[in-house]
Amino acid sequence: VAVRQAKKAIAYGSETDLETAMILAIEAYNATVVTEDRLEGVR
């Protein structure tokens, strides 16, 4: 999930202004942080 979200954030973020790109990155972070994988990684 983290890799997919990172690819999406890089792809779309590079095509827009930095402030919008940062918002996209935060959205990708939020989509990743609620996953079971994040819990498993920390554990």
PDB file of all heavy atoms in Angstrom:
ATOM      1  N   VAL A   1       0.845  -1.195   0.000  1.00  0.00           N
ATOM      2  CA  VAL A   1       0.000   0.000   0.000  1.00  0.00           C
ATOM      3  C   VAL A   1       0.881   1.246   0.000  1.00  0.00           C
ATOM      4  O   VAL A   1       0.636   2.201  -0.746  1.00  0.00           O
ATOM      5  CB  VAL A   1      -0.962   0.014   1.200  1.00  0.00           C
ATOM      6  CG1 VAL A   1      -1.762   1.312   1.240  1.00  0.00           C
ATOM      7  CG2 VAL A   1      -1.901  -1.193   1.159  1.00  0.00           C
ATOM      8  N   ALA A   2       1.913   1.245   0.834  1.00  0.00           N
ATOM      9  CA  ALA A   2       2.818   2.392   0.907  1.00  0.00           C
ATOM     10  C   ALA A   2       3.508   2.644  -0.427  1.00  0.00           C
ATOM     11  O   ALA A   2       3.643   3.789  -0.869  1.00  0.00           O
ATOM     12  CB  ALA A   2       3.852   2.168   2.012  1.00  0.00           C
ATOM     13  N   VAL A   3       3.948   1.576  -1.105  1.00  0.00           N
ATOM     14  CA  VAL A   3       4.625   1.726  -2.393  1.00  0.00           C
ATOM     15  C   VAL A   3       3.653   2.271  -3.437  1.00  0.00           C
ATOM     16  O   VAL A   3       3.993   3.181  -4.211  1.00  0.00           O
ATOM     17  CB  VAL A   3       5.236   0.391  -2.850  1.00  0.00           C
ATOM     18  CG1 VAL A   3       5.751   0.501  -4.277  1.00  0.00           C
ATOM     19  CG2 VAL A   3       6.371  -0.021  -1.918  1.00  0.00           C
ATOM     20  N   ARG A   4       2.442   1.737  -3.488  1.00  0.00           N
ATOM     21  CA  ARG A   4       1.450   2.221  -4.451  1.00  0.00           C
ATOM     22  C   ARG A   4       1.130   3.696  -4.208  1.00  0.00           C
ATOM     23  O   ARG A   4       1.037   4.491  -5.141  1.00  0.00           O
ATOM     24  CB  ARG A   4       0.162   1.395  -4.366  1.00  0.00           C
ATOM     25  CG  ARG A   4       0.269   0.009  -5.001  1.00  0.00           C
ATOM     26  CD  ARG A   4      -0.983  -0.824  -4.714  1.00  0.00           C
ATOM     27  NE  ARG A   4      -0.932  -2.132  -5.355  1.00  0.00           N
ATOM     28  CZ  ARG A   4      -1.694  -2.520  -6.366  1.00  0.00           C
ATOM     29  NH1 ARG A   4      -2.604  -1.688  -6.858  1.00  0.00           N
ATOM     30  NH2 ARG A   4      -1.587  -3.730  -6.884  1.00  0.00           N
ATOM     31  N   GLN A   5       0.965   4.057  -2.959  1.00  0.00           N
ATOM     32  CA  GLN A   5       0.649   5.449  -2.641  1.00  0.00           C
ATOM     33  C   GLN A   5       1.831   6.362  -2.945  1.00  0.00           C
ATOM     34  O   GLN A   5       1.651   7.494  -3.414  1.00  0.00           O
ATOM     35  CB  GLN A   5       0.237   5.580  -1.175  1.00  0.00           C
ATOM     36  CG  GLN A   5      -1.117   4.992  -0.842  1.00  0.00           C
ATOM     37  CD  GLN A   5      -2.265   5.740  -1.494  1.00  0.00           C
ATOM     38  OE1 GLN A   5      -2.164   6.933  -1.784  1.00  0.00           O
ATOM     39  NE2 GLN A   5      -3.365   5.045  -1.728  1.00  0.00           N
ATOM     40  N   ALA A   6       3.051   5.871  -2.722  1.00  0.00           N
ATOM     41  CA  ALA A   6       4.233   6.671  -3.039  1.00  0.00           C
ATOM     42  C   ALA A   6       4.332   6.904  -4.540  1.00  0.00           C
ATOM     43  O   ALA A   6       4.630   8.018  -4.995  1.00  0.00           O
ATOM     44  CB  ALA A   6       5.489   5.979  -2.521  1.00  0.00           C
ATOM     45  N   LYS A   7       4.076   5.871  -5.324  1.00  0.00           N
ATOM     46  CA  LYS A   7       4.123   6.041  -6.777  1.00  0.00           C
ATOM     47  C   LYS A   7       3.076   7.055  -7.224  1.00  0.00           C
ATOM     48  O   LYS A   7       3.365   7.917  -8.062  1.00  0.00           O
ATOM     49  CB  LYS A   7       3.910   4.706  -7.490  1.00  0.00           C
ATOM     50  CG  LYS A   7       3.835   4.871  -9.007  1.00  0.00           C
ATOM     51  CD  LYS A   7       3.917   3.597  -9.793  1.00  0.00           C
ATOM     52  CE  LYS A   7       3.798   3.882 -11.280  1.00  0.00           C
ATOM     53  NZ  LYS A   7       3.998   2.721 -12.141  1.00  0.00           N
ATOM     54  N   LYS A   8       1.879   6.950  -6.683  1.00  0.00           N
ATOM     55  CA  LYS A   8       0.814   7.878  -7.060  1.00  0.00           C
ATOM     56  C   LYS A   8       1.176   9.316  -6.685  1.00  0.00           C
ATOM     57  O   LYS A   8       0.989  10.247  -7.478  1.00  0.00           O
ATOM     58  CB  LYS A   8      -0.496   7.472  -6.381  1.00  0.00           C
ATOM     59  CG  LYS A   8      -1.689   8.307  -6.785  1.00  0.00           C
ATOM     60  CD  LYS A   8      -2.914   7.970  -5.936  1.00  0.00           C
ATOM     61  CE  LYS A   8      -3.363   6.544  -6.122  1.00  0.00           C
ATOM     62  NZ  LYS A   8      -4.613   6.259  -5.366  1.00  0.00           N
ATOM     63  N   ALA A   9       1.709   9.500  -5.483  1.00  0.00           N
ATOM     64  CA  ALA A   9       2.060  10.846  -5.028  1.00  0.00           C
ATOM     65  C   ALA A   9       3.164  11.455  -5.884  1.00  0.00           C
ATOM     66  O   ALA A   9       3.119  12.639  -6.231  1.00  0.00           O
ATOM     67  CB  ALA A   9       2.490  10.805  -3.559  1.00  0.00           C
ATOM     68  N   ILE A  10       4.162  10.646  -6.248  1.00  0.00           N
ATOM     69  CA  ILE A  10       5.242  11.150  -7.093  1.00  0.00           C
ATOM     70  C   ILE A  10       4.709  11.492  -8.488  1.00  0.00           C
ATOM     71  O   ILE A  10       5.008  12.561  -9.044  1.00  0.00           O
ATOM     72  CB  ILE A  10       6.376  10.116  -7.190  1.00  0.00           C
ATOM     73  CG1 ILE A  10       7.054   9.935  -5.831  1.00  0.00           C
ATOM     74  CG2 ILE A  10       7.405  10.540  -8.240  1.00  0.00           C
ATOM     75  CD1 ILE A  10       7.989   8.740  -5.757  1.00  0.00           C
ATOM     76  N   ALA A  11       3.908  10.589  -9.056  1.00  0.00           N
ATOM     77  CA  ALA A  11       3.421  10.779 -10.419  1.00  0.00           C
ATOM     78  C   ALA A  11       2.572  12.028 -10.551  1.00  0.00           C
ATOM     79  O   ALA A  11       2.777  12.851 -11.448  1.00  0.00           O
ATOM     80  CB  ALA A  11       2.633   9.548 -10.864  1.00  0.00           C
ATOM     81  N   TYR A  12       1.606  12.186  -9.668  1.00  0.00           N
ATOM     82  CA  TYR A  12       0.697  13.319  -9.782  1.00  0.00           C
ATOM     83  C   TYR A  12       1.284  14.579  -9.150  1.00  0.00           C
ATOM     84  O   TYR A  12       1.025  15.694  -9.621  1.00  0.00           O
ATOM     85  CB  TYR A  12      -0.655  12.973  -9.153  1.00  0.00           C
ATOM     86  CG  TYR A  12      -1.421  11.964  -9.968  1.00  0.00           C
ATOM     87  CD1 TYR A  12      -1.458  10.628  -9.598  1.00  0.00           C
ATOM     88  CD2 TYR A  12      -2.082  12.329 -11.134  1.00  0.00           C
ATOM     89  CE1 TYR A  12      -2.139   9.682 -10.364  1.00  0.00           C
ATOM     90  CE2 TYR A  12      -2.766  11.402 -11.903  1.00  0.00           C
ATOM     91  CZ  TYR A  12      -2.796  10.079 -11.511  1.00  0.00           C
ATOM     92  OH  TYR A  12      -3.460   9.149 -12.277  1.00  0.00           O
ATOM     93  N   GLY A  13       2.090  14.412  -8.122  1.00  0.00           N
ATOM     94  CA  GLY A  13       2.702  15.576  -7.498  1.00  0.00           C
ATOM     95  C   GLY A  13       3.682  16.290  -8.398  1.00  0.00           C
ATOM     96  O   GLY A  13       3.808  17.523  -8.352  1.00  0.00           O
ATOM     97  N   SER A  14       4.370  15.537  -9.248  1.00  0.00           N
ATOM     98  CA  SER A  14       5.352  16.157 -10.140  1.00  0.00           C
ATOM     99  C   SER A  14       4.699  16.951 -11.258  1.00  0.00           C
ATOM    100  O   SER A  14       5.379  17.703 -11.964  1.00  0.00           O
ATOM    101  CB  SER A  14       6.261  15.080 -10.743  1.00  0.00           C
ATOM    102  OG  SER A  14       5.516  14.180 -11.543  1.00  0.00           O
ATOM    103  N   GLU A  15       3.392  16.791 -11.432  1.00  0.00           N
ATOM    104  CA  GLU A  15       2.671  17.488 -12.501  1.00  0.00           C
ATOM    105  C   GLU A  15       1.904  18.710 -12.018  1.00  0.00           C
ATOM    106  O   GLU A  15       1.128  19.296 -12.767  1.00  0.00           O
ATOM    107  CB  GLU A  15       1.695  16.515 -13.189  1.00  0.00           C
ATOM    108  CG  GLU A  15       2.357  15.285 -13.777  1.00  0.00           C
ATOM    109  CD  GLU A  15       3.423  15.634 -14.791  1.00  0.00           C
ATOM    110  OE1 GLU A  15       3.220  16.592 -15.563  1.00  0.00           O
ATOM    111  OE2 GLU A  15       4.474  14.963 -14.803  1.00  0.00           O
ATOM    112  N   THR A  16       2.111  19.101 -10.760  1.00  0.00           N
ATOM    113  CA  THR A  16       1.363  20.233 -10.231  1.00  0.00           C
ATOM    114  C   THR A  16       2.287  21.136  -9.420  1.00  0.00           C
ATOM    115  O   THR A  16       3.488  20.884  -9.319  1.00  0.00           O
ATOM    116  CB  THR A  16       0.183  19.735  -9.379  1.00  0.00           C
ATOM    117  OG1 THR A  16      -0.654  20.843  -9.027  1.00  0.00           O
ATOM    118  CG2 THR A  16       0.645  19.027  -8.122  1.00  0.00           C
ATOM    119  N   ASP A  17       1.745  22.193  -8.838  1.00  0.00           N
ATOM    120  CA  ASP A  17       2.566  23.087  -8.022  1.00  0.00           C
ATOM    121  C   ASP A  17       2.906  22.411  -6.700  1.00  0.00           C
ATOM    122  O   ASP A  17       2.254  21.455  -6.271  1.00  0.00           O
ATOM    123  CB  ASP A  17       1.816  24.404  -7.776  1.00  0.00           C
ATOM    124  CG  ASP A  17       0.545  24.191  -6.993  1.00  0.00           C
ATOM    125  OD1 ASP A  17      -0.498  23.875  -7.621  1.00  0.00           O
ATOM    126  OD2 ASP A  17       0.568  24.299  -5.753  1.00  0.00           O
ATOM    127  N   LEU A  18       3.935  22.930  -6.028  1.00  0.00           N
ATOM    128  CA  LEU A  18       4.452  22.277  -4.831  1.00  0.00           C
ATOM    129  C   LEU A  18       3.417  22.217  -3.712  1.00  0.00           C
ATOM    130  O   LEU A  18       3.303  21.197  -3.016  1.00  0.00           O
ATOM    131  CB  LEU A  18       5.719  22.991  -4.361  1.00  0.00           C
ATOM    132  CG  LEU A  18       6.396  22.395  -3.117  1.00  0.00           C
ATOM    133  CD1 LEU A  18       6.757  20.928  -3.345  1.00  0.00           C
ATOM    134  CD2 LEU A  18       7.642  23.197  -2.758  1.00  0.00           C
ATOM    135  N   GLU A  19       2.657  23.291  -3.508  1.00  0.00           N
ATOM    136  CA  GLU A  19       1.681  23.287  -2.412  1.00  0.00           C
ATOM    137  C   GLU A  19       0.618  22.208  -2.635  1.00  0.00           C
ATOM    138  O   GLU A  19       0.272  21.462  -1.707  1.00  0.00           O
ATOM    139  CB  GLU A  19       1.003  24.660  -2.292  1.00  0.00           C
ATOM    140  CG  GLU A  19       0.041  24.744  -1.106  1.00  0.00           C
ATOM    141  CD  GLU A  19      -0.506  26.150  -0.906  1.00  0.00           C
ATOM    142  OE1 GLU A  19      -0.039  27.073  -1.601  1.00  0.00           O
ATOM    143  OE2 GLU A  19      -1.393  26.312  -0.051  1.00  0.00           O
ATOM    144  N   THR A  20       0.121  22.106  -3.860  1.00  0.00           N
ATOM    145  CA  THR A  20      -0.852  21.058  -4.169  1.00  0.00           C
ATOM    146  C   THR A  20      -0.217  19.685  -4.026  1.00  0.00           C
ATOM    147  O   THR A  20      -0.846  18.744  -3.526  1.00  0.00           O
ATOM    148  CB  THR A  20      -1.398  21.240  -5.596  1.00  0.00           C
ATOM    149  OG1 THR A  20      -1.972  22.538  -5.718  1.00  0.00           O
ATOM    150  CG2 THR A  20      -2.444  20.186  -5.912  1.00  0.00           C
ATOM    151  N   ALA A  21       1.039  19.555  -4.470  1.00  0.00           N
ATOM    152  CA  ALA A  21       1.743  18.277  -4.360  1.00  0.00           C
ATOM    153  C   ALA A  21       1.890  17.853  -2.899  1.00  0.00           C
ATOM    154  O   ALA A  21       1.758  16.665  -2.571  1.00  0.00           O
ATOM    155  CB  ALA A  21       3.108  18.372  -5.023  1.00  0.00           C
ATOM    156  N   MET A  22       2.161  18.803  -2.019  1.00  0.00           N
ATOM    157  CA  MET A  22       2.271  18.482  -0.598  1.00  0.00           C
ATOM    158  C   MET A  22       0.935  17.986  -0.043  1.00  0.00           C
ATOM    159  O   MET A  22       0.888  17.066   0.782  1.00  0.00           O
ATOM    160  CB  MET A  22       2.749  19.705   0.178  1.00  0.00           C
ATOM    161  CG  MET A  22       4.184  20.106  -0.132  1.00  0.00           C
ATOM    162  SD  MET A  22       5.402  18.857   0.376  1.00  0.00           S
ATOM    163  CE  MET A  22       5.326  19.042   2.170  1.00  0.00           C
ATOM    164  N   ILE A  23      -0.158  18.580  -0.510  1.00  0.00           N
ATOM    165  CA  ILE A  23      -1.484  18.125  -0.086  1.00  0.00           C
ATOM    166  C   ILE A  23      -1.727  16.699  -0.561  1.00  0.00           C
ATOM    167  O   ILE A  23      -2.236  15.843   0.180  1.00  0.00           O
ATOM    168  CB  ILE A  23      -2.569  19.080  -0.611  1.00  0.00           C
ATOM    169  CG1 ILE A  23      -2.439  20.443   0.063  1.00  0.00           C
ATOM    170  CG2 ILE A  23      -3.965  18.498  -0.388  1.00  0.00           C
ATOM    171  CD1 ILE A  23      -3.312  21.517  -0.556  1.00  0.00           C
ATOM    172  N   LEU A  24      -1.347  16.407  -1.815  1.00  0.00           N
ATOM    173  CA  LEU A  24      -1.488  15.051  -2.341  1.00  0.00           C
ATOM    174  C   LEU A  24      -0.664  14.059  -1.518  1.00  0.00           C
ATOM    175  O   LEU A  24      -1.110  12.937  -1.245  1.00  0.00           O
ATOM    176  CB  LEU A  24      -1.044  14.999  -3.801  1.00  0.00           C
ATOM    177  CG  LEU A  24      -1.915  15.731  -4.816  1.00  0.00           C
ATOM    178  CD1 LEU A  24      -1.247  15.719  -6.192  1.00  0.00           C
ATOM    179  CD2 LEU A  24      -3.291  15.094  -4.909  1.00  0.00           C
ATOM    180  N   ALA A  25       0.536  14.469  -1.122  1.00  0.00           N
ATOM    181  CA  ALA A  25       1.397  13.593  -0.336  1.00  0.00           C
ATOM    182  C   ALA A  25       0.794  13.309   1.035  1.00  0.00           C
ATOM    183  O   ALA A  25       0.863  12.182   1.542  1.00  0.00           O
ATOM    184  CB  ALA A  25       2.788  14.218  -0.192  1.00  0.00           C
ATOM    185  N   ILE A  26       0.192  14.318   1.643  1.00  0.00           N
ATOM    186  CA  ILE A  26      -0.451  14.118   2.944  1.00  0.00           C
ATOM    187  C   ILE A  26      -1.641  13.177   2.814  1.00  0.00           C
ATOM    188  O   ILE A  26      -1.876  12.309   3.678  1.00  0.00           O
ATOM    189  CB  ILE A  26      -0.868  15.480   3.544  1.00  0.00           C
ATOM    190  CG1 ILE A  26       0.383  16.288   3.923  1.00  0.00           C
ATOM    191  CG2 ILE A  26      -1.761  15.285   4.767  1.00  0.00           C
ATOM    192  CD1 ILE A  26       0.111  17.731   4.261  1.00  0.00           C
ATOM    193  N   GLU A  27      -2.395  13.320   1.734  1.00  0.00           N
ATOM    194  CA  GLU A  27      -3.515  12.405   1.503  1.00  0.00           C
ATOM    195  C   GLU A  27      -3.021  10.974   1.327  1.00  0.00           C
ATOM    196  O   GLU A  27      -3.638  10.024   1.830  1.00  0.00           O
ATOM    197  CB  GLU A  27      -4.311  12.845   0.280  1.00  0.00           C
ATOM    198  CG  GLU A  27      -5.100  14.130   0.492  1.00  0.00           C
ATOM    199  CD  GLU A  27      -5.876  14.543  -0.743  1.00  0.00           C
ATOM    200  OE1 GLU A  27      -5.664  13.918  -1.807  1.00  0.00           O
ATOM    201  OE2 GLU A  27      -6.680  15.487  -0.643  1.00  0.00           O
ATOM    202  N   ALA A  28      -1.895  10.814   0.632  1.00  0.00           N
ATOM    203  CA  ALA A  28      -1.318   9.481   0.458  1.00  0.00           C
ATOM    204  C   ALA A  28      -0.848   8.922   1.800  1.00  0.00           C
ATOM    205  O   ALA A  28      -1.020   7.733   2.088  1.00  0.00           O
ATOM    206  CB  ALA A  28      -0.161   9.533  -0.536  1.00  0.00           C
ATOM    207  N   TYR A  29      -0.269   9.786   2.610  1.00  0.00           N
ATOM    208  CA  TYR A  29       0.153   9.372   3.948  1.00  0.00           C
ATOM    209  C   TYR A  29      -1.053   8.903   4.765  1.00  0.00           C
ATOM    210  O   TYR A  29      -1.024   7.837   5.407  1.00  0.00           O
ATOM    211  CB  TYR A  29       0.849  10.525   4.661  1.00  0.00           C
ATOM    212  CG  TYR A  29       1.114  10.251   6.135  1.00  0.00           C
ATOM    213  CD1 TYR A  29       2.255   9.574   6.525  1.00  0.00           C
ATOM    214  CD2 TYR A  29       0.209  10.668   7.118  1.00  0.00           C
ATOM    215  CE1 TYR A  29       2.495   9.300   7.860  1.00  0.00           C
ATOM    216  CE2 TYR A  29       0.442  10.397   8.451  1.00  0.00           C
ATOM    217  CZ  TYR A  29       1.583   9.716   8.822  1.00  0.00           C
ATOM    218  OH  TYR A  29       1.812   9.450  10.155  1.00  0.00           O
ATOM    219  N   ASN A  30      -2.106   9.680   4.742  1.00  0.00           N
ATOM    220  CA  ASN A  30      -3.292   9.330   5.526  1.00  0.00           C
ATOM    221  C   ASN A  30      -3.930   8.031   5.043  1.00  0.00           C
ATOM    222  O   ASN A  30      -4.467   7.256   5.843  1.00  0.00           O
ATOM    223  CB  ASN A  30      -4.309  10.471   5.479  1.00  0.00           C
ATOM    224  CG  ASN A  30      -3.866  11.677   6.281  1.00  0.00           C
ATOM    225  OD1 ASN A  30      -3.100  11.546   7.242  1.00  0.00           O
ATOM    226  ND2 ASN A  30      -4.323  12.860   5.899  1.00  0.00           N
ATOM    227  N   ALA A  31      -3.868   7.779   3.737  1.00  0.00           N
ATOM    228  CA  ALA A  31      -4.413   6.533   3.204  1.00  0.00           C
ATOM    229  C   ALA A  31      -3.565   5.335   3.616  1.00  0.00           C
ATOM    230  O   ALA A  31      -4.072   4.205   3.706  1.00  0.00           O
ATOM    231  CB  ALA A  31      -4.491   6.604   1.680  1.00  0.00           C
ATOM    232  N   THR A  32      -2.297   5.565   3.888  1.00  0.00           N
ATOM    233  CA  THR A  32      -1.386   4.485   4.261  1.00  0.00           C
ATOM    234  C   THR A  32      -1.389   4.208   5.757  1.00  0.00           C
ATOM    235  O   THR A  32      -1.324   3.059   6.197  1.00  0.00           O
ATOM    236  CB  THR A  32       0.052   4.835   3.813  1.00  0.00           C
ATOM    237  OG1 THR A  32       0.061   5.117   2.413  1.00  0.00           O
ATOM    238  CG2 THR A  32       1.012   3.700   4.096  1.00  0.00           C
ATOM    239  N   VAL A  33      -1.496   5.246   6.549  1.00  0.00           N
ATOM    240  CA  VAL A  33      -1.290   5.116   7.989  1.00  0.00           C
ATOM    241  C   VAL A  33      -2.410   4.350   8.679  1.00  0.00           C
ATOM    242  O   VAL A  33      -2.233   3.843   9.796  1.00  0.00           O
ATOM    243  CB  VAL A  33      -1.085   6.518   8.615  1.00  0.00           C
ATOM    244  CG1 VAL A  33      -2.422   7.245   8.794  1.00  0.00           C
ATOM    245  CG2 VAL A  33      -0.319   6.420   9.925  1.00  0.00           C
ATOM    246  N   VAL A  34      -3.567   4.229   8.047  1.00  0.00           N
ATOM    247  CA  VAL A  34      -4.697   3.515   8.663  1.00  0.00           C
ATOM    248  C   VAL A  34      -4.726   2.032   8.296  1.00  0.00           C
ATOM    249  O   VAL A  34      -5.655   1.327   8.660  1.00  0.00           O
ATOM    250  CB  VAL A  34      -6.039   4.168   8.262  1.00  0.00           C
ATOM    251  CG1 VAL A  34      -6.140   5.581   8.801  1.00  0.00           C
ATOM    252  CG2 VAL A  34      -6.219   4.156   6.748  1.00  0.00           C
ATOM    253  N   THR A  35      -3.706   1.546   7.587  1.00  0.00           N
ATOM    254  CA  THR A  35      -3.736   0.170   7.109  1.00  0.00           C
ATOM    255  C   THR A  35      -3.201  -0.820   8.140  1.00  0.00           C
ATOM    256  O   THR A  35      -2.445  -0.463   9.056  1.00  0.00           O
ATOM    257  CB  THR A  35      -2.897   0.021   5.827  1.00  0.00           C
ATOM    258  OG1 THR A  35      -1.526   0.349   6.119  1.00  0.00           O
ATOM    259  CG2 THR A  35      -3.418   0.933   4.735  1.00  0.00           C
ATOM    260  N   GLU A  36      -3.577  -2.075   7.961  1.00  0.00           N
ATOM    261  CA  GLU A  36      -3.031  -3.149   8.779  1.00  0.00           C
ATOM    262  C   GLU A  36      -1.525  -3.279   8.566  1.00  0.00           C
ATOM    263  O   GLU A  36      -0.786  -3.637   9.500  1.00  0.00           O
ATOM    264  CB  GLU A  36      -3.709  -4.474   8.433  1.00  0.00           C
ATOM    265  CG  GLU A  36      -5.195  -4.533   8.773  1.00  0.00           C
ATOM    266  CD  GLU A  36      -5.833  -5.830   8.336  1.00  0.00           C
ATOM    267  OE1 GLU A  36      -5.089  -6.801   8.063  1.00  0.00           O
ATOM    268  OE2 GLU A  36      -7.079  -5.886   8.263  1.00  0.00           O
ATOM    269  N   ASP A  37      -1.069  -2.995   7.353  1.00  0.00           N
ATOM    270  CA  ASP A  37       0.360  -3.086   7.065  1.00  0.00           C
ATOM    271  C   ASP A  37       1.167  -2.113   7.913  1.00  0.00           C
ATOM    272  O   ASP A  37       2.281  -2.442   8.348  1.00  0.00           O
ATOM    273  CB  ASP A  37       0.618  -2.789   5.578  1.00  0.00           C
ATOM    274  CG  ASP A  37       0.358  -3.998   4.687  1.00  0.00           C
ATOM    275  OD1 ASP A  37       0.066  -5.078   5.227  1.00  0.00           O
ATOM    276  OD2 ASP A  37       0.433  -3.844   3.451  1.00  0.00           O
ATOM    277  N   ARG A  38       0.635  -0.925   8.142  1.00  0.00           N
ATOM    278  CA  ARG A  38       1.365   0.028   8.984  1.00  0.00           C
ATOM    279  C   ARG A  38       1.507  -0.520  10.399  1.00  0.00           C
ATOM    280  O   ARG A  38       2.580  -0.466  11.007  1.00  0.00           O
ATOM    281  CB  ARG A  38       0.644   1.375   8.996  1.00  0.00           C
ATOM    282  CG  ARG A  38       1.441   2.495   9.686  1.00  0.00           C
ATOM    283  CD  ARG A  38       1.117   2.648  11.157  1.00  0.00           C
ATOM    284  NE  ARG A  38      -0.290   2.977  11.360  1.00  0.00           N
ATOM    285  CZ  ARG A  38      -0.861   3.043  12.569  1.00  0.00           C
ATOM    286  NH1 ARG A  38      -0.160   2.761  13.668  1.00  0.00           N
ATOM    287  NH2 ARG A  38      -2.144   3.340  12.702  1.00  0.00           N
ATOM    288  N   LEU A  39       0.438  -1.103  10.929  1.00  0.00           N
ATOM    289  CA  LEU A  39       0.503  -1.705  12.264  1.00  0.00           C
ATOM    290  C   LEU A  39       1.515  -2.846  12.290  1.00  0.00           C
ATOM    291  O   LEU A  39       2.298  -2.976  13.244  1.00  0.00           O
ATOM    292  CB  LEU A  39      -0.879  -2.216  12.672  1.00  0.00           C
ATOM    293  CG  LEU A  39      -1.973  -1.163  12.857  1.00  0.00           C
ATOM    294  CD1 LEU A  39      -3.320  -1.835  13.085  1.00  0.00           C
ATOM    295  CD2 LEU A  39      -1.626  -0.230  14.015  1.00  0.00           C
ATOM    296  N   GLU A  40       1.501  -3.677  11.243  1.00  0.00           N
ATOM    297  CA  GLU A  40       2.425  -4.803  11.163  1.00  0.00           C
ATOM    298  C   GLU A  40       3.865  -4.315  11.061  1.00  0.00           C
ATOM    299  O   GLU A  40       4.767  -4.880  11.697  1.00  0.00           O
ATOM    300  CB  GLU A  40       2.084  -5.684   9.956  1.00  0.00           C
ATOM    301  CG  GLU A  40       3.147  -6.667   9.534  1.00  0.00           C
ATOM    302  CD  GLU A  40       3.487  -7.719  10.582  1.00  0.00           C
ATOM    303  OE1 GLU A  40       2.765  -7.814  11.611  1.00  0.00           O
ATOM    304  OE2 GLU A  40       4.476  -8.443  10.392  1.00  0.00           O
ATOM    305  N   GLY A  41       4.114  -3.257  10.297  1.00  0.00           N
ATOM    306  CA  GLY A  41       5.460  -2.747  10.152  1.00  0.00           C
ATOM    307  C   GLY A  41       6.034  -2.242  11.455  1.00  0.00           C
ATOM    308  O   GLY A  41       7.188  -2.537  11.800  1.00  0.00           O
ATOM    309  N   VAL A  42       5.236  -1.488  12.211  1.00  0.00           N
ATOM    310  CA  VAL A  42       5.694  -0.966  13.507  1.00  0.00           C
ATOM    311  C   VAL A  42       5.899  -2.108  14.495  1.00  0.00           C
ATOM    312  O   VAL A  42       6.882  -2.147  15.248  1.00  0.00           O
ATOM    313  CB  VAL A  42       4.681   0.062  14.053  1.00  0.00           C
ATOM    314  CG1 VAL A  42       5.072   0.493  15.461  1.00  0.00           C
ATOM    315  CG2 VAL A  42       4.613   1.276  13.127  1.00  0.00           C
ATOM    316  N   ARG A  43       4.976  -3.067  14.472  1.00  0.00           N
ATOM    317  CA  ARG A  43       5.074  -4.217  15.375  1.00  0.00           C
ATOM    318  C   ARG A  43       6.328  -5.030  15.068  1.00  0.00           C
ATOM    319  O   ARG A  43       7.064  -5.434  15.984  1.00  0.00           O
ATOM    320  CB  ARG A  43       3.823  -5.075  15.237  1.00  0.00           C
ATOM    321  CG  ARG A  43       3.732  -6.234  16.214  1.00  0.00           C
ATOM    322  CD  ARG A  43       2.309  -6.778  16.313  1.00  0.00           C
ATOM    323  NE  ARG A  43       1.741  -7.028  14.986  1.00  0.00           N
ATOM    324  CZ  ARG A  43       0.649  -6.412  14.513  1.00  0.00           C
ATOM    325  NH1 ARG A  43       0.013  -5.510  15.244  1.00  0.00           N
ATOM    326  NH2 ARG A  43       0.188  -6.686  13.313  1.00  0.00           N
TER     327      ARG A  43
END
